[in-house]
Amino acid sequence: MKVKDHMAVLAACMLMLAGCGSSEASGSSAEKAETVVSSSLAETASEQSAPEESSEAESAAEKKEKSGMERFEELITELPPEGYDAEREGVVYPEFQKLIYDSQTAGRKTKVNVLVPADYDESKKYPVLYILHGFYDTEDWMARKKVALSRILTNLQQDGEAEEMIVVLPYIFCSKGLAYTTGMDYENCLAYDTFVNDLETDLMPFIKENFSVAEGRENTAITGFSMGGRESLFIGCTHPEQFGYIGAVCPAPGLAPGQLKPSELSFADDVKPYALLISSSKADGTVGNNPDTYRGYFKKNGEPFLSHVMQKTGHDHTSVKPHLYNFFRMIFKG
C-alpha cells in the first residue's frame, strides 16, 4: 500500500515533534491510570441487569468478553512502580545490535537497532515489536540508556509479566532526496509517511531473514512516539492483517484528517486489534489534545481502545517509558 500524497500531512509540520523536551516525571509510585475501553461491547456490558442470574450462557458471554481487549484494562498504571527500570543484580540485560539493510523506499542502506532476548535461541520462534521514533530523531532514540528499554522489558520478563520478543528500532525517515530531516515541511513529513512502504518491502523481510521470527498478526506489534506514534497508528489501521497489537504515545497530528479520513480509523471484524493503546500526557504542550482527537474518532467509529493518561510527564522519555511498561505487559498474550 502506498501512502497518500496530499497536503493534509502538513498538519504535523506545524509542531516541534522531536521528543527533545526536558520535563521529568514527577512521581515514582504506581498509580491507577485514567483508562477507557470505548466500544459498544463495553457499553453493553456496563448496562447488564439481573446480576443474580448466572446461566451457562451468561458465563460463556462474560468469558468471551474478557478474552478481548477489556482484559488489559486493569493492567494500565499511570506511572510504573519504583525500581521498574533499575538494573538488578545477577540479571543479564541484552544490548541492541546495530544492523544495516537495503531500503528500496529510501534508495540507500539504512541502519536499524535490534534487541533479542539474552538467551536468544535460533530453534525458537519469537514475536516482533517495532517501535518508531519521533520527528528529527533516529533509530538510536529509543535505544538510549535514558529510555532503559532493555532493562524495563527484561525486568518484566523476569517477573513473568512480559513475553520474550524481538524489538526492532528502525530509522523511519525514508527519502531518496534527503538523508535526514531538514525541516518541518511537506517533503520532510512525507518521508516519514512513506516508511510504511519501507517496512513492508524491506525491513520486515530483513528481520525475518536474519532472525527466528514467529509470523502472523498475533506475533507482530507496532508502537511509536510522537511522529512515530502517528505512523504506528497509520500502519496499524491500514495493515491490521499484519499487526495484531497497536500502540502510540503522544501521537502527532496529521493522521486524520490527513493520511486517512476519520472514518478510516476502524477495523474489519476479522482483523480487530488484540490491543490498541493510546498514551498521552495532560502536560504535553507539543501535541496538545491531539491524542484525544484520535480517541474521539475511534470511539465514534465504535472501535475498542485502551487509554493511558499521564498527568505531568513531558513530550519525551518520561511519557515513553510508562507507555512501554504498559504495552509490554499486553502484547503477545494470545
C-alpha atoms as a PDB file:
ATOM      1  CA  MET A   1       0.000   0.000   0.000  1.00  0.00           C
ATOM      2  CA  LYS A   2       1.372   3.401  -0.946  1.00  0.00           C
ATOM      3  CA  VAL A   3       0.990   6.318   1.453  1.00  0.00           C
ATOM      4  CA  LYS A   4      -1.477   9.039   0.486  1.00  0.00           C
ATOM      5  CA  ASP A   5       0.347  12.003  -1.001  1.00  0.00           C
ATOM      6  CA  HIS A   6      -1.545  15.236  -0.316  1.00  0.00           C
ATOM      7  CA  MET A   7      -1.160  18.499   1.569  1.00  0.00           C
ATOM      8  CA  ALA A   8      -3.100  17.422   4.651  1.00  0.00           C
ATOM      9  CA  VAL A   9       0.048  15.851   6.077  1.00  0.00           C
ATOM     10  CA  LEU A  10       1.363  19.384   6.661  1.00  0.00           C
ATOM     11  CA  ALA A  11      -0.632  19.462   9.888  1.00  0.00           C
ATOM     12  CA  ALA A  12       2.191  17.556  11.555  1.00  0.00           C
ATOM     13  CA  CYS A  13       4.782  20.037  10.324  1.00  0.00           C
ATOM     14  CA  MET A  14       3.317  22.857  12.399  1.00  0.00           C
ATOM     15  CA  LEU A  15       4.695  21.473  15.660  1.00  0.00           C
ATOM     16  CA  MET A  16       8.055  20.503  17.075  1.00  0.00           C
ATOM     17  CA  LEU A  17       7.615  16.762  17.376  1.00  0.00           C
ATOM     18  CA  ALA A  18      11.156  15.731  18.180  1.00  0.00           C
ATOM     19  CA  GLY A  19      10.870  14.261  21.653  1.00  0.00           C
ATOM     20  CA  CYS A  20      13.514  16.702  22.868  1.00  0.00           C
ATOM     21  CA  GLY A  21      11.669  18.062  25.900  1.00  0.00           C
ATOM     22  CA  SER A  22      13.367  18.256  29.264  1.00  0.00           C
ATOM     23  CA  SER A  23      10.459  17.670  31.627  1.00  0.00           C
ATOM     24  CA  GLU A  24      10.873  14.860  34.146  1.00  0.00           C
ATOM     25  CA  ALA A  25       8.277  12.580  35.686  1.00  0.00           C
ATOM     26  CA  SER A  26       7.061  13.975  38.994  1.00  0.00           C
ATOM     27  CA  GLY A  27       6.093  10.680  40.590  1.00  0.00           C
ATOM     28  CA  SER A  28       7.652   7.262  41.002  1.00  0.00           C
ATOM     29  CA  SER A  29       4.956   5.126  42.642  1.00  0.00           C
ATOM     30  CA  ALA A  30       2.399   3.154  40.667  1.00  0.00           C
ATOM     31  CA  GLU A  31      -0.861   4.974  40.153  1.00  0.00           C
ATOM     32  CA  LYS A  32      -4.028   3.763  38.528  1.00  0.00           C
ATOM     33  CA  ALA A  33      -4.391   5.338  35.094  1.00  0.00           C
ATOM     34  CA  GLU A  34      -7.417   7.041  33.663  1.00  0.00           C
ATOM     35  CA  THR A  35      -8.437   4.153  31.428  1.00  0.00           C
ATOM     36  CA  VAL A  36     -11.067   3.856  28.769  1.00  0.00           C
ATOM     37  CA  VAL A  37     -12.398   0.949  26.792  1.00  0.00           C
ATOM     38  CA  SER A  38     -14.690   2.547  24.258  1.00  0.00           C
ATOM     39  CA  SER A  39     -16.858   0.101  22.382  1.00  0.00           C
ATOM     40  CA  SER A  40     -20.432  -0.973  22.011  1.00  0.00           C
ATOM     41  CA  LEU A  41     -19.404  -4.250  23.652  1.00  0.00           C
ATOM     42  CA  ALA A  42     -18.107  -2.483  26.756  1.00  0.00           C
ATOM     43  CA  GLU A  43     -21.133  -0.184  26.945  1.00  0.00           C
ATOM     44  CA  THR A  44     -23.476  -3.127  26.660  1.00  0.00           C
ATOM     45  CA  ALA A  45     -21.660  -4.960  29.433  1.00  0.00           C
ATOM     46  CA  SER A  46     -21.971  -1.966  31.773  1.00  0.00           C
ATOM     47  CA  GLU A  47     -25.721  -1.875  31.288  1.00  0.00           C
ATOM     48  CA  GLN A  48     -26.370  -5.519  32.092  1.00  0.00           C
ATOM     49  CA  SER A  49     -29.144  -6.163  34.584  1.00  0.00           C
ATOM     50  CA  ALA A  50     -30.260  -9.102  36.745  1.00  0.00           C
ATOM     51  CA  PRO A  51     -26.777  -9.955  38.047  1.00  0.00           C
ATOM     52  CA  GLU A  52     -28.184 -12.746  40.202  1.00  0.00           C
ATOM     53  CA  GLU A  53     -28.800 -14.864  37.128  1.00  0.00           C
ATOM     54  CA  SER A  54     -25.746 -16.942  36.316  1.00  0.00           C
ATOM     55  CA  SER A  55     -26.723 -19.229  33.479  1.00  0.00           C
ATOM     56  CA  GLU A  56     -24.129 -21.080  31.454  1.00  0.00           C
ATOM     57  CA  ALA A  57     -24.902 -18.825  28.504  1.00  0.00           C
ATOM     58  CA  GLU A  58     -24.116 -15.683  30.532  1.00  0.00           C
ATOM     59  CA  SER A  59     -20.919 -17.200  31.890  1.00  0.00           C
ATOM     60  CA  ALA A  60     -19.791 -18.045  28.374  1.00  0.00           C
ATOM     61  CA  ALA A  61     -20.580 -14.499  27.211  1.00  0.00           C
ATOM     62  CA  GLU A  62     -18.607 -12.974  30.074  1.00  0.00           C
ATOM     63  CA  LYS A  63     -15.654 -15.226  29.357  1.00  0.00           C
ATOM     64  CA  LYS A  64     -15.727 -14.272  25.695  1.00  0.00           C
ATOM     65  CA  GLU A  65     -15.900 -10.563  26.551  1.00  0.00           C
ATOM     66  CA  LYS A  66     -12.991 -10.710  28.969  1.00  0.00           C
ATOM     67  CA  SER A  67     -10.914 -12.565  26.408  1.00  0.00           C
ATOM     68  CA  GLY A  68     -10.915  -9.404  24.284  1.00  0.00           C
ATOM     69  CA  MET A  69      -9.189  -6.067  24.784  1.00  0.00           C
ATOM     70  CA  GLU A  70     -11.006  -5.441  28.068  1.00  0.00           C
ATOM     71  CA  ARG A  71      -8.805  -7.927  29.891  1.00  0.00           C
ATOM     72  CA  PHE A  72      -5.904  -5.469  29.630  1.00  0.00           C
ATOM     73  CA  GLU A  73      -7.769  -2.589  31.240  1.00  0.00           C
ATOM     74  CA  GLU A  74      -6.715  -3.416  34.778  1.00  0.00           C
ATOM     75  CA  LEU A  75      -3.054  -3.688  33.768  1.00  0.00           C
ATOM     76  CA  ILE A  76      -2.702   0.005  32.981  1.00  0.00           C
ATOM     77  CA  THR A  77      -0.994   2.229  35.523  1.00  0.00           C
ATOM     78  CA  GLU A  78      -0.291   5.927  35.067  1.00  0.00           C
ATOM     79  CA  LEU A  79       3.303   5.503  36.240  1.00  0.00           C
ATOM     80  CA  PRO A  80       5.191   2.250  36.782  1.00  0.00           C
ATOM     81  CA  PRO A  81       6.248   1.128  40.283  1.00  0.00           C
ATOM     82  CA  GLU A  82       9.523   2.316  41.744  1.00  0.00           C
ATOM     83  CA  GLY A  83      12.538   0.393  40.501  1.00  0.00           C
ATOM     84  CA  TYR A  84      10.869  -0.920  37.357  1.00  0.00           C
ATOM     85  CA  ASP A  85      13.751   0.376  35.205  1.00  0.00           C
ATOM     86  CA  ALA A  86      16.620  -0.358  37.601  1.00  0.00           C
ATOM     87  CA  GLU A  87      19.363  -2.869  36.900  1.00  0.00           C
ATOM     88  CA  ARG A  88      19.017  -5.988  39.029  1.00  0.00           C
ATOM     89  CA  GLU A  89      21.890  -7.992  40.432  1.00  0.00           C
ATOM     90  CA  GLY A  90      22.600 -11.197  38.552  1.00  0.00           C
ATOM     91  CA  VAL A  91      20.347 -10.360  35.601  1.00  0.00           C
ATOM     92  CA  VAL A  92      21.818 -10.236  32.081  1.00  0.00           C
ATOM     93  CA  TYR A  93      20.426  -7.324  30.068  1.00  0.00           C
ATOM     94  CA  PRO A  94      20.749  -7.684  26.288  1.00  0.00           C
ATOM     95  CA  GLU A  95      22.155  -4.842  24.216  1.00  0.00           C
ATOM     96  CA  PHE A  96      20.911  -3.551  20.870  1.00  0.00           C
ATOM     97  CA  GLN A  97      22.633  -4.776  17.724  1.00  0.00           C
ATOM     98  CA  LYS A  98      23.248  -2.139  15.047  1.00  0.00           C
ATOM     99  CA  LEU A  99      22.491  -3.624  11.629  1.00  0.00           C
ATOM    100  CA  ILE A 100      22.210  -2.307   8.064  1.00  0.00           C
ATOM    101  CA  TYR A 101      19.709  -3.258   5.363  1.00  0.00           C
ATOM    102  CA  ASP A 102      18.939  -2.049   1.846  1.00  0.00           C
ATOM    103  CA  SER A 103      15.914   0.248   1.690  1.00  0.00           C
ATOM    104  CA  GLN A 104      14.324   0.495  -1.751  1.00  0.00           C
ATOM    105  CA  THR A 105      11.978   3.203  -0.458  1.00  0.00           C
ATOM    106  CA  ALA A 106      14.818   5.440   0.730  1.00  0.00           C
ATOM    107  CA  GLY A 107      17.217   4.357  -2.006  1.00  0.00           C
ATOM    108  CA  ARG A 108      20.063   3.764   0.421  1.00  0.00           C
ATOM    109  CA  LYS A 109      21.432   1.485   3.093  1.00  0.00           C
ATOM    110  CA  THR A 110      19.576   2.099   6.339  1.00  0.00           C
ATOM    111  CA  LYS A 111      20.534   1.456   9.963  1.00  0.00           C
ATOM    112  CA  VAL A 112      18.296  -0.398  12.400  1.00  0.00           C
ATOM    113  CA  ASN A 113      18.699  -1.411  16.053  1.00  0.00           C
ATOM    114  CA  VAL A 114      17.550  -4.887  17.057  1.00  0.00           C
ATOM    115  CA  LEU A 115      17.196  -6.303  20.568  1.00  0.00           C
ATOM    116  CA  VAL A 116      16.876 -10.051  21.135  1.00  0.00           C
ATOM    117  CA  PRO A 117      16.487 -11.901  24.466  1.00  0.00           C
ATOM    118  CA  ALA A 118      19.707 -12.577  26.376  1.00  0.00           C
ATOM    119  CA  ASP A 119      19.149 -16.303  25.904  1.00  0.00           C
ATOM    120  CA  TYR A 120      18.109 -15.995  22.255  1.00  0.00           C
ATOM    121  CA  ASP A 121      17.734 -19.429  20.691  1.00  0.00           C
ATOM    122  CA  GLU A 122      17.526 -19.958  16.925  1.00  0.00           C
ATOM    123  CA  SER A 123      15.420 -23.065  17.488  1.00  0.00           C
ATOM    124  CA  LYS A 124      12.644 -20.928  18.994  1.00  0.00           C
ATOM    125  CA  LYS A 125      10.308 -18.509  17.212  1.00  0.00           C
ATOM    126  CA  TYR A 126       9.954 -15.017  18.684  1.00  0.00           C
ATOM    127  CA  PRO A 127       7.226 -12.391  18.192  1.00  0.00           C
ATOM    128  CA  VAL A 128       8.391  -8.996  16.953  1.00  0.00           C
ATOM    129  CA  LEU A 129       7.690  -5.459  18.202  1.00  0.00           C
ATOM    130  CA  TYR A 130       8.520  -2.446  16.008  1.00  0.00           C
ATOM    131  CA  ILE A 131       8.988   0.877  17.862  1.00  0.00           C
ATOM    132  CA  LEU A 132       9.082   4.121  15.855  1.00  0.00           C
ATOM    133  CA  HIS A 133      10.895   7.319  16.841  1.00  0.00           C
ATOM    134  CA  GLY A 134       9.773  10.948  16.597  1.00  0.00           C
ATOM    135  CA  PHE A 135      10.481  13.883  14.272  1.00  0.00           C
ATOM    136  CA  TYR A 136      14.191  14.767  13.860  1.00  0.00           C
ATOM    137  CA  ASP A 137      15.214  11.604  15.716  1.00  0.00           C
ATOM    138  CA  THR A 138      16.876   8.370  14.598  1.00  0.00           C
ATOM    139  CA  GLU A 139      16.903   4.642  15.315  1.00  0.00           C
ATOM    140  CA  ASP A 140      19.062   5.406  18.384  1.00  0.00           C
ATOM    141  CA  TRP A 141      16.492   7.470  20.320  1.00  0.00           C
ATOM    142  CA  MET A 142      14.681   4.507  21.878  1.00  0.00           C
ATOM    143  CA  ALA A 143      17.959   2.642  22.441  1.00  0.00           C
ATOM    144  CA  ARG A 144      19.351   5.309  24.778  1.00  0.00           C
ATOM    145  CA  LYS A 145      20.122   4.459  28.413  1.00  0.00           C
ATOM    146  CA  LYS A 146      17.686   7.180  29.439  1.00  0.00           C
ATOM    147  CA  VAL A 147      14.809   5.202  27.937  1.00  0.00           C
ATOM    148  CA  ALA A 148      16.052   1.995  29.625  1.00  0.00           C
ATOM    149  CA  LEU A 149      14.102  -0.169  27.202  1.00  0.00           C
ATOM    150  CA  SER A 150      16.190  -3.300  27.706  1.00  0.00           C
ATOM    151  CA  ARG A 151      16.019  -3.041  31.488  1.00  0.00           C
ATOM    152  CA  ILE A 152      12.265  -2.418  31.544  1.00  0.00           C
ATOM    153  CA  LEU A 153      11.495  -5.327  29.234  1.00  0.00           C
ATOM    154  CA  THR A 154      13.940  -7.754  30.845  1.00  0.00           C
ATOM    155  CA  ASN A 155      12.698  -6.949  34.364  1.00  0.00           C
ATOM    156  CA  LEU A 156       9.125  -7.575  33.260  1.00  0.00           C
ATOM    157  CA  GLN A 157      10.178 -10.870  31.707  1.00  0.00           C
ATOM    158  CA  GLN A 158      11.946 -11.833  34.934  1.00  0.00           C
ATOM    159  CA  ASP A 159       8.707 -11.130  36.805  1.00  0.00           C
ATOM    160  CA  GLY A 160       6.627 -13.150  34.333  1.00  0.00           C
ATOM    161  CA  GLU A 161       4.762 -10.069  33.127  1.00  0.00           C
ATOM    162  CA  ALA A 162       6.099  -9.830  29.571  1.00  0.00           C
ATOM    163  CA  GLU A 163       6.772 -12.351  26.830  1.00  0.00           C
ATOM    164  CA  GLU A 164      10.138 -12.904  25.186  1.00  0.00           C
ATOM    165  CA  MET A 165      10.299 -10.918  21.955  1.00  0.00           C
ATOM    166  CA  ILE A 166      12.486  -9.292  19.350  1.00  0.00           C
ATOM    167  CA  VAL A 167      12.383  -5.484  19.457  1.00  0.00           C
ATOM    168  CA  VAL A 168      13.163  -3.519  16.297  1.00  0.00           C
ATOM    169  CA  LEU A 169      14.037   0.200  16.303  1.00  0.00           C
ATOM    170  CA  PRO A 170      14.116   1.425  12.680  1.00  0.00           C
ATOM    171  CA  TYR A 171      15.092   4.758  11.151  1.00  0.00           C
ATOM    172  CA  ILE A 172      11.726   5.844   9.792  1.00  0.00           C
ATOM    173  CA  PHE A 173      12.783   8.835   7.655  1.00  0.00           C
ATOM    174  CA  CYS A 174      12.530   7.469   4.110  1.00  0.00           C
ATOM    175  CA  SER A 175      13.509   9.899   1.375  1.00  0.00           C
ATOM    176  CA  LYS A 176      15.575   9.384  -1.772  1.00  0.00           C
ATOM    177  CA  GLY A 177      16.394  13.078  -1.837  1.00  0.00           C
ATOM    178  CA  LEU A 178      17.210  13.675   1.829  1.00  0.00           C
ATOM    179  CA  ALA A 179      19.364  11.592   4.171  1.00  0.00           C
ATOM    180  CA  TYR A 180      17.883  13.154   7.296  1.00  0.00           C
ATOM    181  CA  THR A 181      15.211  15.626   8.393  1.00  0.00           C
ATOM    182  CA  THR A 182      15.938  19.191   7.338  1.00  0.00           C
ATOM    183  CA  GLY A 183      12.785  20.953   8.495  1.00  0.00           C
ATOM    184  CA  MET A 184       9.052  20.754   9.025  1.00  0.00           C
ATOM    185  CA  ASP A 185       7.713  20.979   5.525  1.00  0.00           C
ATOM    186  CA  TYR A 186       5.781  18.780   3.119  1.00  0.00           C
ATOM    187  CA  GLU A 187       8.812  16.913   1.748  1.00  0.00           C
ATOM    188  CA  ASN A 188      10.085  16.000   5.200  1.00  0.00           C
ATOM    189  CA  CYS A 189       6.694  14.936   6.545  1.00  0.00           C
ATOM    190  CA  LEU A 190       6.106  12.754   3.513  1.00  0.00           C
ATOM    191  CA  ALA A 191       9.413  10.982   4.174  1.00  0.00           C
ATOM    192  CA  TYR A 192       8.013   9.765   7.493  1.00  0.00           C
ATOM    193  CA  ASP A 193       4.678   8.783   5.978  1.00  0.00           C
ATOM    194  CA  THR A 194       6.350   6.603   3.339  1.00  0.00           C
ATOM    195  CA  PHE A 195       8.053   4.481   5.984  1.00  0.00           C
ATOM    196  CA  VAL A 196       5.113   2.090   5.659  1.00  0.00           C
ATOM    197  CA  ASN A 197       6.480   1.104   2.233  1.00  0.00           C
ATOM    198  CA  ASP A 198       9.991   0.525   3.602  1.00  0.00           C
ATOM    199  CA  LEU A 199       8.565  -1.548   6.449  1.00  0.00           C
ATOM    200  CA  GLU A 200       6.655  -3.892   4.165  1.00  0.00           C
ATOM    201  CA  THR A 201       9.096  -4.091   1.268  1.00  0.00           C
ATOM    202  CA  ASP A 202      12.451  -4.245   3.009  1.00  0.00           C
ATOM    203  CA  LEU A 203      12.589  -4.103   6.812  1.00  0.00           C
ATOM    204  CA  MET A 204      10.161  -6.868   7.753  1.00  0.00           C
ATOM    205  CA  PRO A 205      11.655  -9.277   5.190  1.00  0.00           C
ATOM    206  CA  PHE A 206      15.133  -8.391   6.504  1.00  0.00           C
ATOM    207  CA  ILE A 207      14.141  -9.179  10.090  1.00  0.00           C
ATOM    208  CA  LYS A 208      12.533 -12.466   9.057  1.00  0.00           C
ATOM    209  CA  GLU A 209      15.615 -13.440   7.066  1.00  0.00           C
ATOM    210  CA  ASN A 210      18.073 -12.744   9.866  1.00  0.00           C
ATOM    211  CA  PHE A 211      16.172 -13.728  12.993  1.00  0.00           C
ATOM    212  CA  SER A 212      13.954 -16.563  14.180  1.00  0.00           C
ATOM    213  CA  VAL A 213      10.592 -14.828  13.811  1.00  0.00           C
ATOM    214  CA  ALA A 214       7.135 -16.060  14.732  1.00  0.00           C
ATOM    215  CA  GLU A 215       4.926 -14.815  11.910  1.00  0.00           C
ATOM    216  CA  GLY A 216       1.283 -13.760  11.882  1.00  0.00           C
ATOM    217  CA  ARG A 217      -0.561 -10.731  13.252  1.00  0.00           C
ATOM    218  CA  GLU A 218      -0.802 -12.383  16.659  1.00  0.00           C
ATOM    219  CA  ASN A 219       3.006 -12.259  16.783  1.00  0.00           C
ATOM    220  CA  THR A 220       3.560  -8.769  15.378  1.00  0.00           C
ATOM    221  CA  ALA A 221       3.167  -5.434  17.192  1.00  0.00           C
ATOM    222  CA  ILE A 222       3.902  -1.784  16.455  1.00  0.00           C
ATOM    223  CA  THR A 223       4.036   1.354  18.547  1.00  0.00           C
ATOM    224  CA  GLY A 224       5.750   4.734  18.386  1.00  0.00           C
ATOM    225  CA  PHE A 225       6.320   8.134  19.927  1.00  0.00           C
ATOM    226  CA  SER A 226       5.128  11.497  18.566  1.00  0.00           C
ATOM    227  CA  MET A 227       5.544  11.350  14.766  1.00  0.00           C
ATOM    228  CA  GLY A 228       6.306   7.664  15.241  1.00  0.00           C
ATOM    229  CA  GLY A 229       3.031   7.328  17.142  1.00  0.00           C
ATOM    230  CA  ARG A 230       1.149   8.860  14.247  1.00  0.00           C
ATOM    231  CA  GLU A 231       2.860   6.419  11.883  1.00  0.00           C
ATOM    232  CA  SER A 232       2.230   3.395  14.112  1.00  0.00           C
ATOM    233  CA  LEU A 233      -1.498   4.212  14.168  1.00  0.00           C
ATOM    234  CA  PHE A 234      -1.479   4.726  10.401  1.00  0.00           C
ATOM    235  CA  ILE A 235       0.309   1.443   9.759  1.00  0.00           C
ATOM    236  CA  GLY A 236      -1.809  -0.444  12.269  1.00  0.00           C
ATOM    237  CA  CYS A 237      -5.073   0.863  10.807  1.00  0.00           C
ATOM    238  CA  THR A 238      -4.119   0.244   7.185  1.00  0.00           C
ATOM    239  CA  HIS A 239      -2.425  -3.128   7.757  1.00  0.00           C
ATOM    240  CA  PRO A 240      -4.368  -4.788  10.573  1.00  0.00           C
ATOM    241  CA  GLU A 241      -3.900  -8.128   8.864  1.00  0.00           C
ATOM    242  CA  GLN A 242      -0.194  -7.843   9.749  1.00  0.00           C
ATOM    243  CA  PHE A 243      -0.225  -6.084  13.137  1.00  0.00           C
ATOM    244  CA  GLY A 244      -2.365  -7.508  15.907  1.00  0.00           C
ATOM    245  CA  TYR A 245      -1.115  -5.122  18.608  1.00  0.00           C
ATOM    246  CA  ILE A 246      -1.025  -1.353  18.067  1.00  0.00           C
ATOM    247  CA  GLY A 247       0.220   1.424  20.336  1.00  0.00           C
ATOM    248  CA  ALA A 248       1.017   5.128  20.247  1.00  0.00           C
ATOM    249  CA  VAL A 249       2.378   7.550  22.836  1.00  0.00           C
ATOM    250  CA  CYS A 250       1.831  11.300  22.371  1.00  0.00           C
ATOM    251  CA  PRO A 251       0.904  10.748  18.688  1.00  0.00           C
ATOM    252  CA  ALA A 252       1.426  13.710  16.353  1.00  0.00           C
ATOM    253  CA  PRO A 253      -1.346  15.304  14.272  1.00  0.00           C
ATOM    254  CA  GLY A 254      -1.842  14.620  10.576  1.00  0.00           C
ATOM    255  CA  LEU A 255      -3.197  11.080  10.684  1.00  0.00           C
ATOM    256  CA  ALA A 256      -6.881  12.000  10.492  1.00  0.00           C
ATOM    257  CA  PRO A 257      -7.876  14.127   8.852  1.00  0.00           C
ATOM    258  CA  GLY A 258      -4.748  13.822   6.716  1.00  0.00           C
ATOM    259  CA  GLN A 259      -3.388  10.435   5.753  1.00  0.00           C
ATOM    260  CA  LEU A 260      -6.787   8.922   6.494  1.00  0.00           C
ATOM    261  CA  LYS A 261     -10.363  10.071   6.809  1.00  0.00           C
ATOM    262  CA  PRO A 262     -11.634   9.965  10.408  1.00  0.00           C
ATOM    263  CA  SER A 263     -13.992   7.168   9.378  1.00  0.00           C
ATOM    264  CA  GLU A 264     -10.982   5.086   8.313  1.00  0.00           C
ATOM    265  CA  LEU A 265      -9.779   4.768  11.896  1.00  0.00           C
ATOM    266  CA  SER A 266     -11.585   1.455  12.055  1.00  0.00           C
ATOM    267  CA  PHE A 267     -11.066  -2.252  11.506  1.00  0.00           C
ATOM    268  CA  ALA A 268     -12.895  -5.053   9.728  1.00  0.00           C
ATOM    269  CA  ASP A 269     -14.449  -7.618  12.057  1.00  0.00           C
ATOM    270  CA  ASP A 270     -11.882 -10.298  11.257  1.00  0.00           C
ATOM    271  CA  VAL A 271      -8.828  -8.084  11.934  1.00  0.00           C
ATOM    272  CA  LYS A 272      -9.703  -6.209  15.111  1.00  0.00           C
ATOM    273  CA  PRO A 273      -6.548  -5.468  17.152  1.00  0.00           C
ATOM    274  CA  TYR A 274      -5.969  -7.599  20.229  1.00  0.00           C
ATOM    275  CA  ALA A 275      -4.849  -4.401  21.952  1.00  0.00           C
ATOM    276  CA  LEU A 276      -4.889  -0.756  20.849  1.00  0.00           C
ATOM    277  CA  LEU A 277      -3.257   1.516  23.436  1.00  0.00           C
ATOM    278  CA  ILE A 278      -3.081   5.311  23.157  1.00  0.00           C
ATOM    279  CA  SER A 279      -0.928   7.005  25.810  1.00  0.00           C
ATOM    280  CA  SER A 280      -0.690  10.749  26.355  1.00  0.00           C
ATOM    281  CA  SER A 281       0.122  13.407  28.938  1.00  0.00           C
ATOM    282  CA  LYS A 282      -2.076  16.290  30.010  1.00  0.00           C
ATOM    283  CA  ALA A 283       1.105  18.355  30.393  1.00  0.00           C
ATOM    284  CA  ASP A 284       2.258  17.721  26.805  1.00  0.00           C
ATOM    285  CA  GLY A 285       2.376  21.152  25.187  1.00  0.00           C
ATOM    286  CA  THR A 286       3.758  19.797  21.911  1.00  0.00           C
ATOM    287  CA  VAL A 287       0.895  17.685  20.590  1.00  0.00           C
ATOM    288  CA  GLY A 288      -1.687  19.128  22.976  1.00  0.00           C
ATOM    289  CA  ASN A 289      -5.050  17.376  22.854  1.00  0.00           C
ATOM    290  CA  ASN A 290      -4.357  15.660  19.531  1.00  0.00           C
ATOM    291  CA  PRO A 291      -4.318  12.186  21.140  1.00  0.00           C
ATOM    292  CA  ASP A 292      -7.860  12.891  22.353  1.00  0.00           C
ATOM    293  CA  THR A 293      -8.855  13.708  18.780  1.00  0.00           C
ATOM    294  CA  TYR A 294      -7.796  10.229  17.694  1.00  0.00           C
ATOM    295  CA  ARG A 295      -9.534   8.685  20.687  1.00  0.00           C
ATOM    296  CA  GLY A 296     -12.689  10.514  19.671  1.00  0.00           C
ATOM    297  CA  TYR A 297     -12.569   9.126  16.138  1.00  0.00           C
ATOM    298  CA  PHE A 298     -12.088   5.550  17.350  1.00  0.00           C
ATOM    299  CA  LYS A 299     -14.959   5.992  19.786  1.00  0.00           C
ATOM    300  CA  LYS A 300     -17.235   7.481  17.130  1.00  0.00           C
ATOM    301  CA  ASN A 301     -16.403   4.559  14.842  1.00  0.00           C
ATOM    302  CA  GLY A 302     -17.321   2.076  17.567  1.00  0.00           C
ATOM    303  CA  GLU A 303     -13.784   0.736  17.866  1.00  0.00           C
ATOM    304  CA  PRO A 304     -12.444  -0.554  21.207  1.00  0.00           C
ATOM    305  CA  PHE A 305      -9.271   1.063  22.500  1.00  0.00           C
ATOM    306  CA  LEU A 306      -7.350   1.422  25.730  1.00  0.00           C
ATOM    307  CA  SER A 307      -6.439   4.851  27.036  1.00  0.00           C
ATOM    308  CA  HIS A 308      -3.468   5.657  29.253  1.00  0.00           C
ATOM    309  CA  VAL A 309      -3.406   9.248  30.512  1.00  0.00           C
ATOM    310  CA  MET A 310      -0.483  10.711  32.443  1.00  0.00           C
ATOM    311  CA  GLN A 311      -0.784  13.964  34.357  1.00  0.00           C
ATOM    312  CA  LYS A 312       2.651  15.598  34.459  1.00  0.00           C
ATOM    313  CA  THR A 313       5.032  13.752  32.153  1.00  0.00           C
ATOM    314  CA  GLY A 314       6.549  15.519  29.152  1.00  0.00           C
ATOM    315  CA  HIS A 315       6.810  15.091  25.406  1.00  0.00           C
ATOM    316  CA  ASP A 316       9.864  12.913  25.923  1.00  0.00           C
ATOM    317  CA  HIS A 317      11.108   9.719  27.559  1.00  0.00           C
ATOM    318  CA  THR A 318       9.114  10.432  30.727  1.00  0.00           C
ATOM    319  CA  SER A 319       5.954   9.572  28.781  1.00  0.00           C
ATOM    320  CA  VAL A 320       7.518   6.901  26.580  1.00  0.00           C
ATOM    321  CA  LYS A 321       8.739   4.723  29.456  1.00  0.00           C
ATOM    322  CA  PRO A 322       5.334   4.346  31.194  1.00  0.00           C
ATOM    323  CA  HIS A 323       3.751   3.606  27.807  1.00  0.00           C
ATOM    324  CA  LEU A 324       6.289   0.875  27.095  1.00  0.00           C
ATOM    325  CA  TYR A 325       5.819  -0.569  30.592  1.00  0.00           C
ATOM    326  CA  ASN A 326       2.077  -0.923  29.941  1.00  0.00           C
ATOM    327  CA  PHE A 327       2.367  -2.032  26.311  1.00  0.00           C
ATOM    328  CA  PHE A 328       4.997  -4.700  27.049  1.00  0.00           C
ATOM    329  CA  ARG A 329       2.593  -6.286  29.533  1.00  0.00           C
ATOM    330  CA  MET A 330      -0.196  -6.527  26.928  1.00  0.00           C
ATOM    331  CA  ILE A 331       1.383  -7.741  23.744  1.00  0.00           C
ATOM    332  CA  PHE A 332       1.677 -11.326  22.572  1.00  0.00           C
ATOM    333  CA  LYS A 333      -0.633 -12.614  25.289  1.00  0.00           C
ATOM    334  CA  GLY A 334      -2.612 -14.801  22.921  1.00  0.00           C
END
